[in-house]
Structures are given as structure tokens and as C-alpha cells.
N, C-alpha and C. Protein backbone atom coordinates (compact mmCIF):
# COMPACT_ATOMS: atom_id res chain seq x y z
N MET A 1 75.19 97.02 50.00
CA MET A 1 75.75 95.71 50.28
C MET A 1 75.33 95.27 51.68
N THR A 2 74.89 94.01 51.79
CA THR A 2 74.53 93.50 53.10
C THR A 2 75.43 92.33 53.45
N GLY A 3 75.35 91.90 54.70
CA GLY A 3 76.18 90.79 55.13
C GLY A 3 76.65 91.00 56.54
N PRO A 4 77.74 90.31 56.94
CA PRO A 4 78.20 90.38 58.32
C PRO A 4 78.56 91.78 58.78
N MET A 5 78.95 92.68 57.83
CA MET A 5 79.37 94.02 58.25
C MET A 5 78.20 94.96 58.50
N ASN A 6 77.02 94.59 58.01
CA ASN A 6 75.88 95.51 58.09
C ASN A 6 74.65 94.76 58.56
N ASP A 7 74.80 94.02 59.64
CA ASP A 7 73.72 93.19 60.15
C ASP A 7 72.83 94.01 61.06
N THR A 8 71.61 94.27 60.63
CA THR A 8 70.67 95.03 61.46
C THR A 8 69.53 94.16 61.96
N LEU A 9 69.57 92.86 61.64
CA LEU A 9 68.44 92.00 61.97
C LEU A 9 68.67 91.17 63.22
N ASN A 10 69.89 90.78 63.46
CA ASN A 10 70.15 89.86 64.55
C ASN A 10 70.94 90.56 65.64
N ASN A 11 70.23 91.08 66.63
CA ASN A 11 70.90 91.83 67.68
C ASN A 11 71.68 90.92 68.63
N ALA A 12 71.56 89.60 68.47
CA ALA A 12 72.33 88.70 69.31
C ALA A 12 73.79 88.69 68.91
N ILE A 13 74.08 89.10 67.69
CA ILE A 13 75.46 89.14 67.22
C ILE A 13 76.12 90.40 67.78
N PRO A 14 77.27 90.26 68.47
CA PRO A 14 77.93 91.45 69.02
C PRO A 14 78.23 92.48 67.94
N ARG A 15 78.07 93.73 68.30
CA ARG A 15 78.19 94.84 67.35
C ARG A 15 79.42 95.67 67.71
N LEU A 16 80.32 95.80 66.74
CA LEU A 16 81.59 96.49 66.94
C LEU A 16 81.60 97.81 66.19
N ALA A 17 82.21 98.82 66.80
CA ALA A 17 82.59 100.04 66.10
C ALA A 17 84.10 100.06 66.01
N VAL A 18 84.62 100.38 64.84
CA VAL A 18 86.07 100.43 64.63
C VAL A 18 86.47 101.87 64.36
N LEU A 19 87.46 102.37 65.10
CA LEU A 19 88.01 103.71 64.91
C LEU A 19 89.41 103.56 64.34
N LEU A 20 89.70 104.29 63.27
CA LEU A 20 90.99 104.14 62.60
C LEU A 20 91.46 105.47 62.04
N SER A 21 92.74 105.48 61.61
CA SER A 21 93.34 106.69 61.04
C SER A 21 94.19 106.43 59.82
N GLY A 22 94.33 105.15 59.42
CA GLY A 22 95.30 104.85 58.38
C GLY A 22 94.78 103.91 57.32
N GLY A 23 95.60 102.90 57.02
CA GLY A 23 95.34 102.04 55.88
C GLY A 23 94.26 101.00 56.05
N GLY A 24 93.80 100.78 57.26
CA GLY A 24 92.71 99.84 57.48
C GLY A 24 93.12 98.38 57.50
N ARG A 25 94.41 98.10 57.70
CA ARG A 25 94.84 96.69 57.72
C ARG A 25 94.22 95.92 58.88
N SER A 26 94.15 96.53 60.04
CA SER A 26 93.57 95.84 61.19
C SER A 26 92.07 95.65 61.00
N LEU A 27 91.40 96.63 60.41
CA LEU A 27 90.00 96.46 60.09
C LEU A 27 89.81 95.31 59.11
N GLN A 28 90.61 95.25 58.07
CA GLN A 28 90.49 94.17 57.10
C GLN A 28 90.73 92.82 57.76
N ASN A 29 91.67 92.76 58.70
CA ASN A 29 91.92 91.52 59.41
C ASN A 29 90.68 91.07 60.19
N LEU A 30 90.01 92.00 60.85
CA LEU A 30 88.78 91.65 61.58
C LEU A 30 87.68 91.23 60.62
N VAL A 31 87.54 91.94 59.50
CA VAL A 31 86.55 91.57 58.49
C VAL A 31 86.81 90.14 58.01
N ASP A 32 88.07 89.81 57.75
CA ASP A 32 88.42 88.46 57.28
C ASP A 32 88.07 87.41 58.33
N HIS A 33 88.36 87.70 59.60
CA HIS A 33 88.02 86.75 60.66
C HIS A 33 86.51 86.55 60.76
N ILE A 34 85.76 87.63 60.60
CA ILE A 34 84.30 87.52 60.64
C ILE A 34 83.80 86.68 59.48
N HIS A 35 84.30 86.94 58.30
CA HIS A 35 83.84 86.22 57.11
C HIS A 35 84.18 84.73 57.18
N ARG A 36 85.30 84.41 57.84
CA ARG A 36 85.68 83.00 57.98
C ARG A 36 84.96 82.31 59.13
N GLY A 37 84.14 83.05 59.87
CA GLY A 37 83.44 82.48 61.01
C GLY A 37 84.30 82.32 62.25
N GLU A 38 85.44 83.00 62.28
CA GLU A 38 86.37 82.89 63.41
C GLU A 38 86.14 83.98 64.46
N LEU A 39 85.29 84.94 64.14
CA LEU A 39 84.91 86.00 65.08
C LEU A 39 83.44 86.28 64.87
N LEU A 40 82.62 85.98 65.86
CA LEU A 40 81.19 86.21 65.77
C LEU A 40 80.90 87.66 66.13
N ALA A 41 80.74 88.47 65.11
CA ALA A 41 80.51 89.90 65.33
C ALA A 41 80.06 90.52 64.02
N THR A 42 79.57 91.75 64.12
CA THR A 42 79.25 92.56 62.96
C THR A 42 79.83 93.95 63.20
N ILE A 43 80.13 94.66 62.13
CA ILE A 43 80.73 95.99 62.23
C ILE A 43 79.80 96.98 61.52
N PRO A 44 78.86 97.58 62.23
CA PRO A 44 77.95 98.54 61.60
C PRO A 44 78.47 99.96 61.53
N LEU A 45 79.59 100.25 62.22
CA LEU A 45 80.07 101.64 62.30
C LEU A 45 81.59 101.67 62.24
N VAL A 46 82.13 102.52 61.35
CA VAL A 46 83.56 102.82 61.31
C VAL A 46 83.71 104.33 61.32
N ILE A 47 84.60 104.82 62.19
CA ILE A 47 84.90 106.25 62.26
C ILE A 47 86.38 106.43 61.98
N ALA A 48 86.70 107.28 61.00
CA ALA A 48 88.09 107.61 60.68
C ALA A 48 88.37 109.04 61.14
N SER A 49 89.59 109.26 61.61
CA SER A 49 89.95 110.60 62.09
C SER A 49 90.36 111.52 60.95
N ARG A 50 90.46 110.96 59.73
CA ARG A 50 90.85 111.75 58.56
C ARG A 50 90.54 110.92 57.32
N PRO A 51 90.45 111.53 56.15
CA PRO A 51 90.31 110.72 54.94
C PRO A 51 91.54 109.81 54.80
N CYS A 52 91.32 108.53 54.60
CA CYS A 52 92.42 107.58 54.56
C CYS A 52 91.96 106.31 53.86
N LYS A 53 92.90 105.41 53.58
CA LYS A 53 92.58 104.17 52.89
C LYS A 53 91.60 103.32 53.70
N GLY A 54 91.65 103.44 55.01
CA GLY A 54 90.75 102.66 55.85
C GLY A 54 89.28 102.94 55.56
N VAL A 55 88.97 104.17 55.12
CA VAL A 55 87.60 104.49 54.76
C VAL A 55 87.15 103.63 53.59
N GLY A 56 88.03 103.47 52.60
CA GLY A 56 87.71 102.62 51.46
C GLY A 56 87.57 101.16 51.84
N VAL A 57 88.42 100.70 52.76
CA VAL A 57 88.32 99.33 53.24
C VAL A 57 86.96 99.09 53.89
N ALA A 58 86.53 100.04 54.71
CA ALA A 58 85.24 99.91 55.40
C ALA A 58 84.09 99.87 54.40
N ARG A 59 84.12 100.75 53.42
CA ARG A 59 83.04 100.79 52.44
C ARG A 59 83.03 99.52 51.58
N ALA A 60 84.21 99.04 51.22
CA ALA A 60 84.29 97.82 50.42
C ALA A 60 83.76 96.62 51.21
N ALA A 61 83.90 96.66 52.53
CA ALA A 61 83.44 95.57 53.38
C ALA A 61 81.93 95.63 53.63
N GLY A 62 81.28 96.71 53.20
CA GLY A 62 79.85 96.82 53.38
C GLY A 62 79.42 97.41 54.70
N VAL A 63 80.33 98.13 55.38
CA VAL A 63 79.95 98.79 56.63
C VAL A 63 78.88 99.84 56.31
N GLY A 64 77.80 99.82 57.08
CA GLY A 64 76.67 100.68 56.76
C GLY A 64 76.89 102.15 57.04
N ASP A 65 77.67 102.47 58.08
CA ASP A 65 77.88 103.86 58.48
C ASP A 65 79.38 104.10 58.60
N VAL A 66 79.94 104.82 57.65
CA VAL A 66 81.37 105.14 57.65
C VAL A 66 81.49 106.66 57.73
N ARG A 67 82.12 107.13 58.80
CA ARG A 67 82.20 108.57 59.03
C ARG A 67 83.65 109.02 59.12
N VAL A 68 83.91 110.25 58.69
CA VAL A 68 85.19 110.90 58.92
C VAL A 68 84.94 112.05 59.90
N ILE A 69 85.53 111.94 61.08
CA ILE A 69 85.39 112.97 62.11
C ILE A 69 86.80 113.38 62.52
N ARG A 70 87.21 114.57 62.13
CA ARG A 70 88.56 115.02 62.40
C ARG A 70 88.72 115.44 63.86
N GLY A 71 89.94 115.23 64.36
CA GLY A 71 90.26 115.67 65.71
C GLY A 71 89.64 114.79 66.78
N THR A 72 89.75 115.26 68.01
CA THR A 72 89.19 114.53 69.14
C THR A 72 87.68 114.64 69.14
N ILE A 73 87.00 113.51 69.21
CA ILE A 73 85.54 113.51 69.17
C ILE A 73 85.00 113.85 70.56
N PRO A 74 84.14 114.84 70.68
CA PRO A 74 83.54 115.12 71.99
C PRO A 74 82.81 113.89 72.52
N GLU A 75 82.88 113.72 73.82
CA GLU A 75 82.31 112.53 74.45
C GLU A 75 80.85 112.34 74.10
N VAL A 76 80.08 113.41 74.11
CA VAL A 76 78.64 113.30 73.85
C VAL A 76 78.39 112.88 72.39
N GLU A 77 79.21 113.36 71.46
CA GLU A 77 79.04 112.99 70.05
C GLU A 77 79.40 111.53 69.82
N LEU A 78 80.48 111.08 70.45
CA LEU A 78 80.86 109.68 70.29
C LEU A 78 79.82 108.76 70.92
N ARG A 79 79.35 109.11 72.11
CA ARG A 79 78.33 108.29 72.76
C ARG A 79 77.07 108.20 71.90
N SER A 80 76.67 109.31 71.29
CA SER A 80 75.49 109.31 70.44
C SER A 80 75.66 108.37 69.25
N ALA A 81 76.83 108.39 68.62
CA ALA A 81 77.08 107.52 67.48
C ALA A 81 77.06 106.05 67.89
N LEU A 82 77.68 105.75 69.02
CA LEU A 82 77.72 104.36 69.49
C LEU A 82 76.34 103.85 69.87
N GLU A 83 75.59 104.67 70.58
CA GLU A 83 74.26 104.25 71.01
C GLU A 83 73.31 104.11 69.83
N ALA A 84 73.49 104.93 68.80
CA ALA A 84 72.62 104.84 67.62
C ALA A 84 72.75 103.49 66.93
N HIS A 85 73.92 102.84 67.09
CA HIS A 85 74.14 101.54 66.47
C HIS A 85 74.18 100.40 67.50
N SER A 86 73.80 100.68 68.74
CA SER A 86 73.78 99.66 69.80
C SER A 86 75.12 98.92 69.86
N ILE A 87 76.21 99.70 69.89
CA ILE A 87 77.55 99.12 69.87
C ILE A 87 77.87 98.44 71.19
N ASP A 88 78.38 97.22 71.10
CA ASP A 88 78.80 96.47 72.28
C ASP A 88 80.25 96.73 72.65
N LEU A 89 81.11 96.92 71.63
CA LEU A 89 82.55 97.06 71.90
C LEU A 89 83.15 97.98 70.84
N VAL A 90 84.00 98.90 71.30
CA VAL A 90 84.70 99.84 70.42
C VAL A 90 86.13 99.36 70.23
N ILE A 91 86.55 99.26 68.97
CA ILE A 91 87.87 98.74 68.62
C ILE A 91 88.70 99.87 68.04
N LEU A 92 89.82 100.21 68.68
CA LEU A 92 90.75 101.18 68.11
C LEU A 92 91.74 100.40 67.24
N ALA A 93 91.84 100.79 65.98
CA ALA A 93 92.66 100.07 65.02
C ALA A 93 93.58 101.06 64.31
N GLY A 94 94.63 101.48 65.02
CA GLY A 94 95.50 102.50 64.46
C GLY A 94 94.87 103.87 64.50
N TYR A 95 94.10 104.13 65.55
CA TYR A 95 93.41 105.41 65.72
C TYR A 95 94.34 106.36 66.46
N LEU A 96 94.62 107.52 65.87
CA LEU A 96 95.68 108.40 66.38
C LEU A 96 95.16 109.59 67.18
N GLN A 97 93.88 109.58 67.51
CA GLN A 97 93.32 110.65 68.34
C GLN A 97 93.03 110.14 69.75
N PHE A 98 93.07 111.07 70.71
CA PHE A 98 92.68 110.73 72.06
C PHE A 98 91.19 110.38 72.09
N VAL A 99 90.83 109.39 72.87
CA VAL A 99 89.44 108.96 72.96
C VAL A 99 88.86 109.35 74.31
N ASN A 100 87.83 110.16 74.26
CA ASN A 100 87.05 110.45 75.46
C ASN A 100 86.06 109.31 75.64
N VAL A 101 86.39 108.35 76.51
CA VAL A 101 85.54 107.17 76.66
C VAL A 101 84.18 107.60 77.19
N PRO A 102 83.13 107.31 76.43
CA PRO A 102 81.81 107.79 76.85
C PRO A 102 81.32 107.10 78.12
N LYS A 103 80.44 107.80 78.81
CA LYS A 103 79.77 107.22 79.95
C LYS A 103 79.05 105.96 79.51
N ASN A 104 79.12 104.95 80.34
CA ASN A 104 78.55 103.63 80.07
C ASN A 104 79.39 102.80 79.10
N TYR A 105 80.54 103.33 78.65
CA TYR A 105 81.42 102.55 77.78
C TYR A 105 82.77 102.24 78.42
N GLU A 106 82.88 102.42 79.74
CA GLU A 106 84.07 101.99 80.44
C GLU A 106 84.20 100.47 80.28
N ARG A 107 85.41 100.00 80.04
CA ARG A 107 85.69 98.58 79.78
C ARG A 107 84.98 98.08 78.53
N ARG A 108 84.65 98.99 77.64
CA ARG A 108 84.03 98.60 76.36
C ARG A 108 84.74 99.26 75.19
N VAL A 109 85.94 99.81 75.45
CA VAL A 109 86.79 100.37 74.41
C VAL A 109 88.16 99.71 74.55
N VAL A 110 88.66 99.11 73.46
CA VAL A 110 89.94 98.40 73.51
C VAL A 110 90.87 98.92 72.43
N ASN A 111 92.16 98.77 72.70
CA ASN A 111 93.20 99.23 71.79
C ASN A 111 94.28 98.17 71.69
N ILE A 112 94.97 98.14 70.55
CA ILE A 112 96.15 97.28 70.40
C ILE A 112 97.35 98.18 70.17
N HIS A 113 98.41 97.93 70.93
CA HIS A 113 99.63 98.73 70.87
C HIS A 113 100.77 97.84 70.37
N PRO A 114 101.59 98.33 69.43
CA PRO A 114 102.62 97.48 68.82
C PRO A 114 103.91 97.37 69.62
N ALA A 115 103.77 97.12 70.91
CA ALA A 115 104.91 96.89 71.80
C ALA A 115 104.39 96.22 73.05
N LEU A 116 105.32 95.83 73.90
CA LEU A 116 104.96 95.16 75.14
C LEU A 116 104.86 96.21 76.25
N LEU A 117 103.67 96.74 76.40
CA LEU A 117 103.45 97.72 77.47
C LEU A 117 103.77 97.10 78.83
N PRO A 118 104.21 97.90 79.81
CA PRO A 118 104.18 99.37 79.83
C PRO A 118 105.35 100.06 79.13
N LYS A 119 106.32 99.32 78.58
CA LYS A 119 107.40 99.96 77.85
C LYS A 119 106.89 100.51 76.52
N PHE A 120 107.49 101.60 76.08
CA PHE A 120 107.29 102.13 74.74
C PHE A 120 105.84 102.52 74.46
N GLY A 121 105.19 103.08 75.46
CA GLY A 121 103.84 103.59 75.30
C GLY A 121 103.79 105.07 75.60
N GLY A 122 102.62 105.64 75.48
CA GLY A 122 102.42 107.05 75.79
C GLY A 122 102.17 107.88 74.54
N GLN A 123 101.88 109.16 74.74
CA GLN A 123 101.55 110.05 73.64
C GLN A 123 102.71 110.12 72.65
N GLY A 124 102.40 110.01 71.39
CA GLY A 124 103.42 110.07 70.34
C GLY A 124 104.07 108.76 70.03
N MET A 125 103.80 107.72 70.82
CA MET A 125 104.40 106.42 70.59
C MET A 125 103.43 105.56 69.77
N TYR A 126 103.58 105.64 68.46
CA TYR A 126 102.75 104.86 67.55
C TYR A 126 103.59 104.53 66.32
N GLY A 127 103.19 103.48 65.61
CA GLY A 127 103.81 103.13 64.35
C GLY A 127 105.32 103.00 64.44
N HIS A 128 106.00 103.59 63.48
CA HIS A 128 107.46 103.42 63.40
C HIS A 128 108.18 104.00 64.61
N HIS A 129 107.58 104.98 65.29
CA HIS A 129 108.21 105.54 66.49
C HIS A 129 108.42 104.45 67.54
N VAL A 130 107.43 103.56 67.68
CA VAL A 130 107.54 102.48 68.66
C VAL A 130 108.65 101.51 68.26
N HIS A 131 108.66 101.09 67.01
CA HIS A 131 109.64 100.09 66.58
C HIS A 131 111.06 100.66 66.60
N GLU A 132 111.22 101.93 66.27
CA GLU A 132 112.53 102.57 66.39
C GLU A 132 113.00 102.56 67.83
N ALA A 133 112.11 102.85 68.76
CA ALA A 133 112.47 102.88 70.18
C ALA A 133 112.85 101.50 70.68
N VAL A 134 112.12 100.48 70.26
CA VAL A 134 112.42 99.10 70.68
C VAL A 134 113.82 98.70 70.20
N ILE A 135 114.13 98.97 68.94
CA ILE A 135 115.44 98.61 68.40
C ILE A 135 116.53 99.42 69.07
N ARG A 136 116.30 100.70 69.25
CA ARG A 136 117.30 101.57 69.88
C ARG A 136 117.61 101.13 71.30
N ALA A 137 116.61 100.59 71.99
CA ALA A 137 116.80 100.15 73.38
C ALA A 137 117.50 98.78 73.47
N GLY A 138 117.72 98.13 72.34
CA GLY A 138 118.39 96.85 72.35
C GLY A 138 117.53 95.70 72.85
N GLU A 139 116.22 95.85 72.74
CA GLU A 139 115.33 94.78 73.20
C GLU A 139 115.49 93.53 72.34
N ARG A 140 115.37 92.37 72.97
CA ARG A 140 115.47 91.11 72.25
C ARG A 140 114.11 90.58 71.81
N GLU A 141 113.05 91.14 72.34
CA GLU A 141 111.73 90.74 71.91
C GLU A 141 110.79 91.94 71.93
N SER A 142 109.78 91.86 71.09
CA SER A 142 108.73 92.86 71.06
C SER A 142 107.41 92.10 70.95
N GLY A 143 106.40 92.75 70.40
CA GLY A 143 105.11 92.09 70.30
C GLY A 143 104.01 93.11 70.35
N CYS A 144 102.89 92.73 70.90
CA CYS A 144 101.75 93.64 70.97
C CYS A 144 101.02 93.46 72.29
N THR A 145 100.31 94.50 72.67
CA THR A 145 99.51 94.49 73.90
C THR A 145 98.10 94.97 73.57
N VAL A 146 97.12 94.19 73.93
CA VAL A 146 95.72 94.61 73.83
C VAL A 146 95.27 95.03 75.23
N HIS A 147 94.68 96.21 75.31
CA HIS A 147 94.30 96.73 76.64
C HIS A 147 93.02 97.54 76.53
N TYR A 148 92.36 97.69 77.67
CA TYR A 148 91.22 98.59 77.75
C TYR A 148 91.72 100.04 77.71
N VAL A 149 90.90 100.91 77.16
CA VAL A 149 91.25 102.32 77.05
C VAL A 149 90.67 103.07 78.23
N ASP A 150 91.52 103.90 78.84
CA ASP A 150 91.05 104.75 79.93
C ASP A 150 91.43 106.19 79.61
N GLY A 151 91.67 107.00 80.59
CA GLY A 151 91.92 108.42 80.37
C GLY A 151 93.36 108.76 80.05
N GLU A 152 94.24 107.77 79.87
CA GLU A 152 95.64 108.02 79.55
C GLU A 152 96.04 107.19 78.33
N TYR A 153 97.02 107.69 77.59
CA TYR A 153 97.50 106.95 76.43
C TYR A 153 98.15 105.64 76.86
N ASP A 154 97.74 104.54 76.23
CA ASP A 154 98.38 103.22 76.38
C ASP A 154 98.49 102.82 77.85
N HIS A 155 97.41 103.02 78.60
CA HIS A 155 97.52 102.87 80.05
C HIS A 155 96.53 101.88 80.65
N GLY A 156 95.41 101.62 80.04
CA GLY A 156 94.34 100.87 80.68
C GLY A 156 94.71 99.43 80.97
N PRO A 157 93.86 98.72 81.73
CA PRO A 157 94.14 97.34 82.12
C PRO A 157 94.40 96.44 80.91
N MET A 158 95.39 95.56 81.06
CA MET A 158 95.80 94.69 79.98
C MET A 158 94.81 93.54 79.79
N ILE A 159 94.55 93.20 78.54
CA ILE A 159 93.73 92.05 78.19
C ILE A 159 94.61 90.87 77.81
N LEU A 160 95.58 91.10 76.92
CA LEU A 160 96.56 90.05 76.61
C LEU A 160 97.76 90.68 75.93
N GLN A 161 98.87 89.92 75.95
CA GLN A 161 100.08 90.27 75.22
C GLN A 161 100.53 89.06 74.41
N ARG A 162 101.12 89.34 73.26
CA ARG A 162 101.75 88.30 72.46
C ARG A 162 103.11 88.80 72.02
N ARG A 163 104.09 87.90 71.94
CA ARG A 163 105.48 88.29 71.75
C ARG A 163 106.06 87.76 70.45
N CYS A 164 107.11 88.45 69.99
CA CYS A 164 107.89 87.98 68.85
C CYS A 164 109.32 88.46 69.04
N PRO A 165 110.28 87.81 68.38
CA PRO A 165 111.68 88.21 68.57
C PRO A 165 112.02 89.49 67.82
N VAL A 166 113.00 90.20 68.35
CA VAL A 166 113.68 91.26 67.61
C VAL A 166 114.98 90.65 67.09
N LEU A 167 115.15 90.60 65.80
CA LEU A 167 116.27 89.89 65.19
C LEU A 167 117.43 90.83 64.90
N PRO A 168 118.67 90.30 64.93
CA PRO A 168 119.81 91.13 64.54
C PRO A 168 119.61 91.68 63.13
N GLY A 169 119.89 92.94 62.96
CA GLY A 169 119.72 93.56 61.66
C GLY A 169 118.32 94.06 61.38
N ASP A 170 117.41 93.90 62.34
CA ASP A 170 116.05 94.41 62.13
C ASP A 170 116.06 95.92 61.91
N THR A 171 115.19 96.36 61.02
CA THR A 171 114.88 97.77 60.85
C THR A 171 113.48 98.00 61.42
N PRO A 172 113.10 99.24 61.62
CA PRO A 172 111.71 99.48 62.07
C PRO A 172 110.69 98.84 61.13
N GLU A 173 111.00 98.80 59.84
CA GLU A 173 110.06 98.23 58.88
C GLU A 173 109.95 96.71 59.01
N THR A 174 111.07 96.02 59.15
CA THR A 174 111.01 94.56 59.27
C THR A 174 110.39 94.16 60.60
N LEU A 175 110.70 94.89 61.65
CA LEU A 175 110.09 94.58 62.95
C LEU A 175 108.60 94.87 62.92
N ALA A 176 108.20 95.93 62.24
CA ALA A 176 106.78 96.28 62.15
C ALA A 176 105.99 95.15 61.50
N TRP A 177 106.53 94.56 60.43
CA TRP A 177 105.82 93.47 59.77
C TRP A 177 105.69 92.26 60.68
N ARG A 178 106.75 91.95 61.43
CA ARG A 178 106.68 90.79 62.32
C ARG A 178 105.68 91.03 63.45
N VAL A 179 105.66 92.24 64.00
CA VAL A 179 104.71 92.56 65.05
C VAL A 179 103.29 92.52 64.50
N PHE A 180 103.09 93.02 63.28
CA PHE A 180 101.74 93.03 62.72
C PHE A 180 101.23 91.61 62.52
N GLU A 181 102.09 90.69 62.14
CA GLU A 181 101.66 89.30 62.01
C GLU A 181 101.14 88.77 63.35
N VAL A 182 101.78 89.18 64.44
CA VAL A 182 101.33 88.78 65.77
C VAL A 182 99.99 89.46 66.09
N GLU A 183 99.89 90.73 65.73
CA GLU A 183 98.65 91.47 65.99
C GLU A 183 97.45 90.82 65.30
N CYS A 184 97.67 90.32 64.09
CA CYS A 184 96.57 89.74 63.32
C CYS A 184 95.93 88.55 64.02
N ARG A 185 96.70 87.86 64.84
CA ARG A 185 96.15 86.76 65.63
C ARG A 185 95.66 87.24 66.99
N ALA A 186 96.40 88.17 67.58
CA ALA A 186 96.12 88.58 68.96
C ALA A 186 94.83 89.40 69.10
N TYR A 187 94.58 90.30 68.14
CA TYR A 187 93.42 91.19 68.32
C TYR A 187 92.10 90.43 68.25
N PRO A 188 91.89 89.57 67.24
CA PRO A 188 90.64 88.81 67.26
C PRO A 188 90.49 87.94 68.50
N GLU A 189 91.60 87.36 68.96
CA GLU A 189 91.53 86.55 70.18
C GLU A 189 91.09 87.39 71.36
N ALA A 190 91.69 88.57 71.51
CA ALA A 190 91.34 89.44 72.62
C ALA A 190 89.89 89.89 72.54
N ILE A 191 89.42 90.22 71.34
CA ILE A 191 88.03 90.65 71.17
C ILE A 191 87.09 89.52 71.53
N ARG A 192 87.40 88.31 71.11
CA ARG A 192 86.56 87.16 71.49
C ARG A 192 86.49 87.03 73.01
N ASN A 193 87.62 87.19 73.67
CA ASN A 193 87.66 87.06 75.13
C ASN A 193 86.80 88.13 75.81
N VAL A 194 86.91 89.37 75.32
CA VAL A 194 86.14 90.46 75.92
C VAL A 194 84.64 90.25 75.68
N LEU A 195 84.27 89.86 74.46
CA LEU A 195 82.86 89.64 74.17
C LEU A 195 82.30 88.48 74.98
N ALA A 196 83.11 87.44 75.18
CA ALA A 196 82.67 86.31 76.00
C ALA A 196 82.43 86.77 77.43
N GLY A 197 83.28 87.65 77.94
CA GLY A 197 83.09 88.19 79.28
C GLY A 197 81.83 89.03 79.38
N GLN A 198 81.56 89.82 78.33
CA GLN A 198 80.34 90.63 78.32
C GLN A 198 79.11 89.72 78.35
N ALA A 199 79.16 88.66 77.55
CA ALA A 199 78.02 87.74 77.51
C ALA A 199 77.79 87.08 78.87
N SER A 200 78.88 86.71 79.53
CA SER A 200 78.77 86.08 80.85
C SER A 200 78.15 87.04 81.86
N ASN A 201 78.53 88.32 81.75
CA ASN A 201 78.00 89.31 82.69
C ASN A 201 76.52 89.56 82.50
N ARG A 202 76.02 89.31 81.29
CA ARG A 202 74.60 89.51 81.02
C ARG A 202 73.73 88.34 81.48
N GLN A 203 74.38 87.22 81.72
CA GLN A 203 73.62 86.01 82.11
C GLN A 203 73.25 86.03 83.59
């Protein structure tokens, strides 16, 4: 299958690698934005940390190179995979492994966290654990944070945040759906902003 996900002809189109560990909803959201012309990019590489539904999402989208690499990827191996596909930006989309940011990829790896950092971040704070903590703390709002990835969990410089209310009677599941709706808009916006900055720096 060819198309926006497997573009090897036009190197002017930004090239994304997506790292995931779960159902691939965030990947599908990016694929949909690309297909609608709302995100100018191609996704030639997807790496999953384990066999998961996201692998099927990637293959159905026509991603040319879909890999399952368990555990923490050594820096040299990750750099080799990224350079082989001339990746411009690495997107973490529910990726549950620590990322050794390769040399020359500083400020080129981004993550989305389902809370308003710096609260409710750090190792082990993902998925329902985050939403449970937000509700338990009595927060009146939550949302998502897109940030650059550095050597610490949920720590790198912020790119943008988007907010949503925490409603009376919310469960971790209902809050998760509301936050994900915000993420679906926020992540493509943040990626566009980062890619625009990269383009400006090359001029």
C-alpha cells in the first residue's frame, strides 16, 4: 500500500516516526489528520514496545516499516532506525518505555501526557493512573501537555497545554475520554508548530 504513510519520493514532506505500546488511537488520529490534509507529514516508521493493536493500525494505514522492539531501545539502535528513514520528528503515542534520545535528536522527540504537567507526571504515571490521581486530588480541571522528551519522565520543555474540566461524578474512564478528545486536537497542533519551527531553522 502506498500513500501519505509510505511516502519515499518527496523528501520535502516532514517524516515522522511514531512509538507506541497500546491500541494506536493517537496514531490513528494523526493518520486521519494527514489524510484530511490537516497535517503535512508522512509516517514511514512505527515502533511498538510489544505486540499490540497499534501494530495493526500502523499496517492498515500503510506504514512501510512497522517494528516490535521490546524493552528499552539502545540509543544506537534507535538512532540507526531513525536515520535509515530520514526521520524529522519522533512522536511518542502512548509509549511506555524509557526513551534514550539519540544524539542529534534532541528537541526532535515529543510526547503527550494526559495531565497538566508538572503535576501528575513521572515514572508510572500513565493512563488510568494519571486520571485516578487527578480525581483523588480534587482537581477541577485536567487536560494534556505536549512536551519535548529529555532524560527524565514527563520532564522536557513544554510545547503546549490544553485543558478540560473535571466534572462531579467523573470516573477515571469518563475523564480519560474527555482528555483524549482534547489530545486529538492538541497533538496535531503541537506537531505542526514543532515542524514549522524546524523549517524556519533550516531557512
